[in-house]
Amino acid sequence: MFVESGRTKLHYQVYGRGPRPVLAFHGYGQSESHWRHVAGLLGEQVTVYAFDLFYHGRSRLAKADAPIRKKRLAELLTQFLTEQGIDQFGLLAFSMGAKFALTLVEAMPERVAHLWLVAPDGIRTQFWYSLATYPPWMRGVLGRAVLRPQRLLRLIDALGQRRIVDSGLVRFAQWQLDSREKRLRVYRSWTGFRHLTFDTRRLARLLNQRPTPITFFLGKHDRVIPHAGLREFIGSLQAAHTVLLDAGHGGLLYDVAAYLRRHPEELRGAA
């Protein structure tokens, strides 16, 4: 199924038939299908609407190389909510998908019943992400690396050898750049979502108004979205709960699913 506006198409899949809707947004390099197993753990009271992020799965922007802004993304998601007749809803997001979820928090905080954020991106800007997306010259480097990646890969390897960048991040970057398709997706995702940034103080005010219950699932060994970088924001929230798992970033969703099998009340209670 799609939310369509002109030539822009935002694809989603529905899991479950319960009365309580949850909008789910996957992480970089994934698709809506990554939520299938987690959706099955939420219980019969929940319907999960799992979206493909742009540049992933079957979602398409009318202008693939034009960065999307929060206002436009909020308009598309508002259109979806209207078409489905949804008023209150929950949000479930992993990594880059948190940028979509937090856009809805900013646009309509009074309609968000709860949030489940798994290693969320968009709360604290990572230095290397800023370097890659904000200076025009660096975007040029990334663009050229789509076809000729050798120079960028040598730079990443050198930064790892000199311990300027964590070795886990180096391996993650090398894996994401090992094919032309992956490099193009990196370039388009990093540049295409560069306007999806957030004022954390404003977010905290919006979430504390009711307050909105939030559960964070974080990995102890996550070097992409480290726990330490989120502590200040989590501490500013009145209804936040953190689950710290013995995991890194890439396989964190599997560890979350395993945790939920042992502790189903974490999500069912909030739903």
Protein backbone atom coordinates (compact mmCIF):
# COMPACT_ATOMS: atom_id res chain seq x y z
CA MET A 1 0.00 0.00 0.00
CA PHE A 2 1.10 3.57 -0.63
CA VAL A 3 0.60 7.15 0.48
CA GLU A 4 0.71 8.99 -2.85
CA SER A 5 1.20 12.67 -3.56
CA GLY A 6 2.04 13.45 -7.17
CA ARG A 7 4.98 11.23 -8.12
CA THR A 8 6.01 10.75 -4.49
CA LYS A 9 5.06 7.38 -3.03
CA LEU A 10 5.53 6.32 0.59
CA HIS A 11 5.11 2.56 0.85
CA TYR A 12 3.83 0.76 3.96
CA GLN A 13 2.73 -2.70 5.03
CA VAL A 14 0.12 -3.55 7.66
CA TYR A 15 0.75 -6.16 10.37
CA GLY A 16 -2.07 -7.14 12.72
CA ARG A 17 -5.67 -5.98 13.07
CA GLY A 18 -5.86 -4.57 16.57
CA PRO A 19 -7.59 -1.31 17.52
CA ARG A 20 -4.40 0.51 18.59
CA PRO A 21 -2.28 1.79 15.65
CA VAL A 22 1.50 1.97 15.73
CA LEU A 23 3.56 3.61 12.96
CA ALA A 24 6.95 1.91 12.52
CA PHE A 25 10.05 3.24 10.75
CA HIS A 26 13.06 1.00 10.08
CA GLY A 27 16.76 1.86 10.07
CA TYR A 28 19.29 2.51 7.33
CA GLY A 29 19.68 -0.30 4.80
CA GLN A 30 16.52 -2.09 5.95
CA SER A 31 12.88 -2.20 4.81
CA GLU A 32 9.44 -2.38 6.38
CA SER A 33 9.75 -6.19 6.55
CA HIS A 34 12.26 -5.85 9.40
CA TRP A 35 9.32 -5.07 11.69
CA ARG A 36 7.37 -8.24 10.87
CA HIS A 37 8.73 -10.28 13.74
CA VAL A 38 8.53 -7.45 16.31
CA ALA A 39 4.95 -6.72 15.20
CA GLY A 40 4.01 -10.29 16.04
CA LEU A 41 5.16 -9.74 19.63
CA LEU A 42 2.95 -6.70 20.26
CA GLY A 43 -0.25 -8.66 20.78
CA GLU A 44 -3.70 -8.71 19.23
CA GLN A 45 -4.58 -5.19 20.37
CA VAL A 46 -2.10 -3.55 17.98
CA THR A 47 -1.98 -2.83 14.24
CA VAL A 48 1.51 -1.94 12.98
CA TYR A 49 1.84 0.25 9.90
CA ALA A 50 5.44 -0.36 8.85
CA PHE A 51 6.87 2.16 6.35
CA ASP A 52 9.74 1.99 3.89
CA LEU A 53 11.93 5.05 4.34
CA PHE A 54 12.68 6.95 1.15
CA TYR A 55 15.65 5.49 -0.77
CA HIS A 56 14.67 2.11 0.69
CA GLY A 57 12.18 -0.57 -0.31
CA ARG A 58 9.34 0.64 -2.52
CA SER A 59 9.12 4.27 -1.36
CA ARG A 60 9.98 6.90 -3.96
CA LEU A 61 10.46 10.67 -3.89
CA ALA A 62 9.37 12.64 -6.95
CA LYS A 63 12.85 14.23 -6.97
CA ALA A 64 15.25 11.62 -5.64
CA ASP A 65 18.16 14.06 -5.32
CA ALA A 66 16.20 16.84 -3.58
CA PRO A 67 16.36 16.66 0.25
CA ILE A 68 12.99 16.27 1.94
CA ARG A 69 12.02 18.80 4.62
CA LYS A 70 10.11 18.15 7.82
CA LYS A 71 7.06 20.10 6.64
CA ARG A 72 6.73 17.95 3.51
CA LEU A 73 7.27 14.70 5.42
CA ALA A 74 4.68 15.73 8.03
CA GLU A 75 2.20 16.50 5.23
CA LEU A 76 2.63 13.01 3.77
CA LEU A 77 2.23 11.29 7.12
CA THR A 78 -0.75 13.47 8.00
CA GLN A 79 -2.31 12.41 4.70
CA PHE A 80 -1.79 8.77 5.70
CA LEU A 81 -3.42 9.33 9.11
CA THR A 82 -6.40 11.02 7.47
CA GLU A 83 -6.80 8.27 4.89
CA GLN A 84 -6.72 5.61 7.62
CA GLY A 85 -8.94 7.55 10.03
CA ILE A 86 -6.28 7.44 12.75
CA ASP A 87 -6.31 9.97 15.59
CA GLN A 88 -4.03 8.71 18.40
CA PHE A 89 -1.10 6.45 17.54
CA GLY A 90 2.15 5.01 18.85
CA LEU A 91 5.56 5.34 17.19
CA LEU A 92 8.21 2.63 16.84
CA ALA A 93 11.53 3.53 15.20
CA PHE A 94 15.04 2.19 14.77
CA SER A 95 18.13 4.31 14.05
CA MET A 96 17.55 6.56 11.01
CA GLY A 97 13.82 5.83 11.20
CA ALA A 98 13.67 7.96 14.35
CA LYS A 99 13.96 11.04 12.10
CA PHE A 100 10.53 10.18 10.67
CA ALA A 101 9.06 9.45 14.11
CA LEU A 102 10.42 12.64 15.66
CA THR A 103 9.04 14.67 12.75
CA LEU A 104 5.58 13.49 13.81
CA VAL A 105 6.32 14.30 17.46
CA GLU A 106 7.12 17.87 16.45
CA ALA A 107 4.14 18.20 14.11
CA MET A 108 1.44 16.68 16.34
CA PRO A 109 2.68 15.82 19.86
CA GLU A 110 -0.86 15.68 21.25
CA ARG A 111 -1.67 12.71 19.01
CA VAL A 112 1.35 10.56 19.96
CA ALA A 113 0.29 8.01 22.59
CA HIS A 114 3.76 6.54 23.20
CA LEU A 115 7.19 6.08 21.62
CA TRP A 116 9.52 3.11 21.38
CA LEU A 117 12.90 4.27 20.09
CA VAL A 118 15.62 1.73 19.25
CA ALA A 119 19.07 3.39 19.04
CA PRO A 120 17.45 6.55 17.66
CA ASP A 121 19.26 8.78 15.19
CA GLY A 122 18.38 12.49 14.99
CA ILE A 123 18.62 13.32 18.69
CA ARG A 124 22.33 14.00 18.85
CA THR A 125 24.09 14.83 15.60
CA GLN A 126 27.12 12.61 15.09
CA PHE A 127 30.31 14.41 14.06
CA TRP A 128 30.98 12.22 11.03
CA TYR A 129 27.39 12.55 9.84
CA SER A 130 27.66 16.34 10.03
CA LEU A 131 30.95 16.27 8.15
CA ALA A 132 29.43 14.16 5.40
CA THR A 133 26.22 16.12 4.91
CA TYR A 134 26.68 19.80 5.71
CA PRO A 135 29.86 21.01 3.91
CA PRO A 136 29.11 21.11 0.15
CA TRP A 137 32.66 19.94 -0.64
CA MET A 138 32.19 16.78 1.44
CA ARG A 139 28.91 15.98 -0.30
CA GLY A 140 30.93 16.18 -3.51
CA VAL A 141 33.41 13.64 -2.12
CA LEU A 142 30.57 11.28 -1.29
CA GLY A 143 28.99 11.80 -4.68
CA ARG A 144 32.23 10.93 -6.50
CA ALA A 145 32.74 7.92 -4.23
CA VAL A 146 29.55 6.33 -5.59
CA LEU A 147 31.48 5.48 -8.78
CA ARG A 148 35.08 5.62 -7.50
CA PRO A 149 35.16 4.63 -3.82
CA GLN A 150 38.85 3.76 -3.46
CA ARG A 151 40.00 7.12 -2.13
CA LEU A 152 37.21 7.32 0.46
CA LEU A 153 37.80 3.74 1.57
CA ARG A 154 41.53 4.43 2.01
CA LEU A 155 40.70 7.50 4.10
CA ILE A 156 38.33 5.53 6.33
CA ASP A 157 40.92 2.77 6.76
CA ALA A 158 43.63 5.31 7.67
CA LEU A 159 41.36 6.96 10.26
CA GLY A 160 40.75 3.55 11.81
CA GLN A 161 44.45 2.64 11.88
CA ARG A 162 45.27 5.92 13.62
CA ARG A 163 42.40 5.33 16.04
CA ILE A 164 40.75 8.62 15.11
CA VAL A 165 37.60 6.62 14.40
CA ASP A 166 36.43 3.58 16.37
CA SER A 167 37.28 0.30 14.61
CA GLY A 168 33.65 -0.81 14.85
CA LEU A 169 32.57 2.31 12.97
CA VAL A 170 35.24 1.66 10.35
CA ARG A 171 33.90 -1.86 9.73
CA PHE A 172 30.34 -0.52 9.62
CA ALA A 173 31.33 2.14 7.06
CA GLN A 174 33.26 -0.35 4.91
CA TRP A 175 30.29 -2.70 4.84
CA GLN A 176 27.96 0.13 3.79
CA LEU A 177 30.30 1.13 0.94
CA ASP A 178 31.13 -2.28 -0.53
CA SER A 179 28.81 -2.01 -3.57
CA ARG A 180 27.67 0.75 -5.92
CA GLU A 181 24.05 0.26 -4.84
CA LYS A 182 24.96 0.69 -1.17
CA ARG A 183 27.13 3.74 -1.88
CA LEU A 184 24.32 5.42 -3.79
CA ARG A 185 21.91 4.73 -0.93
CA VAL A 186 24.39 6.14 1.60
CA TYR A 187 24.79 9.30 -0.45
CA ARG A 188 21.07 9.81 -1.04
CA SER A 189 20.04 8.96 2.53
CA TRP A 190 22.65 11.16 4.21
CA THR A 191 22.03 14.12 1.92
CA GLY A 192 18.30 13.54 1.40
CA PHE A 193 17.53 13.52 5.14
CA ARG A 194 19.92 16.29 6.14
CA HIS A 195 17.06 18.71 6.92
CA LEU A 196 15.45 16.27 9.38
CA THR A 197 17.16 17.75 12.43
CA PHE A 198 15.66 18.56 15.83
CA ASP A 199 16.00 20.93 18.75
CA THR A 200 16.24 18.49 21.67
CA ARG A 201 15.08 21.07 24.21
CA ARG A 202 11.93 21.70 22.19
CA LEU A 203 11.38 17.96 21.78
CA ALA A 204 11.68 17.48 25.54
CA ARG A 205 9.15 20.25 26.19
CA LEU A 206 6.67 18.70 23.77
CA LEU A 207 7.10 15.22 25.22
CA ASN A 208 6.83 16.45 28.82
CA GLN A 209 3.57 18.33 28.30
CA ARG A 210 1.40 15.27 29.01
CA PRO A 211 3.95 13.56 29.58
CA THR A 212 4.31 11.06 26.72
CA PRO A 213 5.70 7.63 27.75
CA ILE A 214 8.92 6.69 25.92
CA THR A 215 10.98 3.50 26.00
CA PHE A 216 14.55 3.58 24.67
CA PHE A 217 16.19 0.33 23.59
CA LEU A 218 19.96 0.88 23.40
CA GLY A 219 23.03 -1.30 22.86
CA LYS A 220 25.90 -1.31 25.34
CA HIS A 221 28.36 -1.81 22.48
CA ASP A 222 26.70 0.47 19.92
CA ARG A 223 29.34 2.75 18.36
CA VAL A 224 26.96 4.21 15.76
CA ILE A 225 24.39 5.59 18.24
CA PRO A 226 26.21 5.35 21.60
CA HIS A 227 24.27 5.34 24.84
CA ALA A 228 26.42 8.10 26.31
CA GLY A 229 25.30 10.56 23.64
CA LEU A 230 21.63 10.14 24.59
CA ARG A 231 21.88 10.33 28.39
CA GLU A 232 21.30 14.08 28.64
CA PHE A 233 18.19 13.99 26.45
CA ILE A 234 16.75 10.93 28.20
CA GLY A 235 17.39 12.58 31.57
CA SER A 236 15.33 15.60 30.51
CA LEU A 237 12.21 13.47 29.91
CA GLN A 238 9.63 12.88 32.63
CA ALA A 239 8.29 9.53 31.36
CA ALA A 240 11.35 7.87 29.83
CA HIS A 241 12.45 4.29 30.45
CA THR A 242 15.70 2.79 29.13
CA VAL A 243 16.42 -0.85 28.30
CA LEU A 244 20.17 -1.36 27.84
CA LEU A 245 20.99 -4.54 25.90
CA ASP A 246 24.28 -6.38 25.52
CA ALA A 247 24.44 -5.61 21.80
CA GLY A 248 25.94 -3.42 19.08
CA HIS A 249 24.08 -1.47 16.42
CA GLY A 250 23.65 -3.68 13.36
CA GLY A 251 21.81 -6.57 15.01
CA LEU A 252 20.07 -4.56 17.71
CA LEU A 253 16.54 -5.26 16.39
CA TYR A 254 17.11 -9.00 16.83
CA ASP A 255 18.20 -8.42 20.42
CA VAL A 256 15.14 -6.24 21.02
CA ALA A 257 12.91 -9.02 19.68
CA ALA A 258 14.62 -11.56 21.93
CA TYR A 259 14.18 -9.25 24.91
CA LEU A 260 10.49 -8.76 24.14
CA ARG A 261 9.92 -12.49 24.01
CA ARG A 262 11.19 -12.60 27.60
CA HIS A 263 9.46 -9.36 28.66
CA PRO A 264 6.32 -8.89 26.54
CA GLU A 265 4.92 -6.41 29.06
CA GLU A 266 7.44 -3.80 27.86
CA LEU A 267 5.40 -3.11 24.75
CA ARG A 268 2.02 -4.64 25.46
CA GLY A 269 1.65 -2.62 28.60
CA ALA A 270 2.35 0.63 26.80
CA ALA A 271 0.10 -0.31 23.88
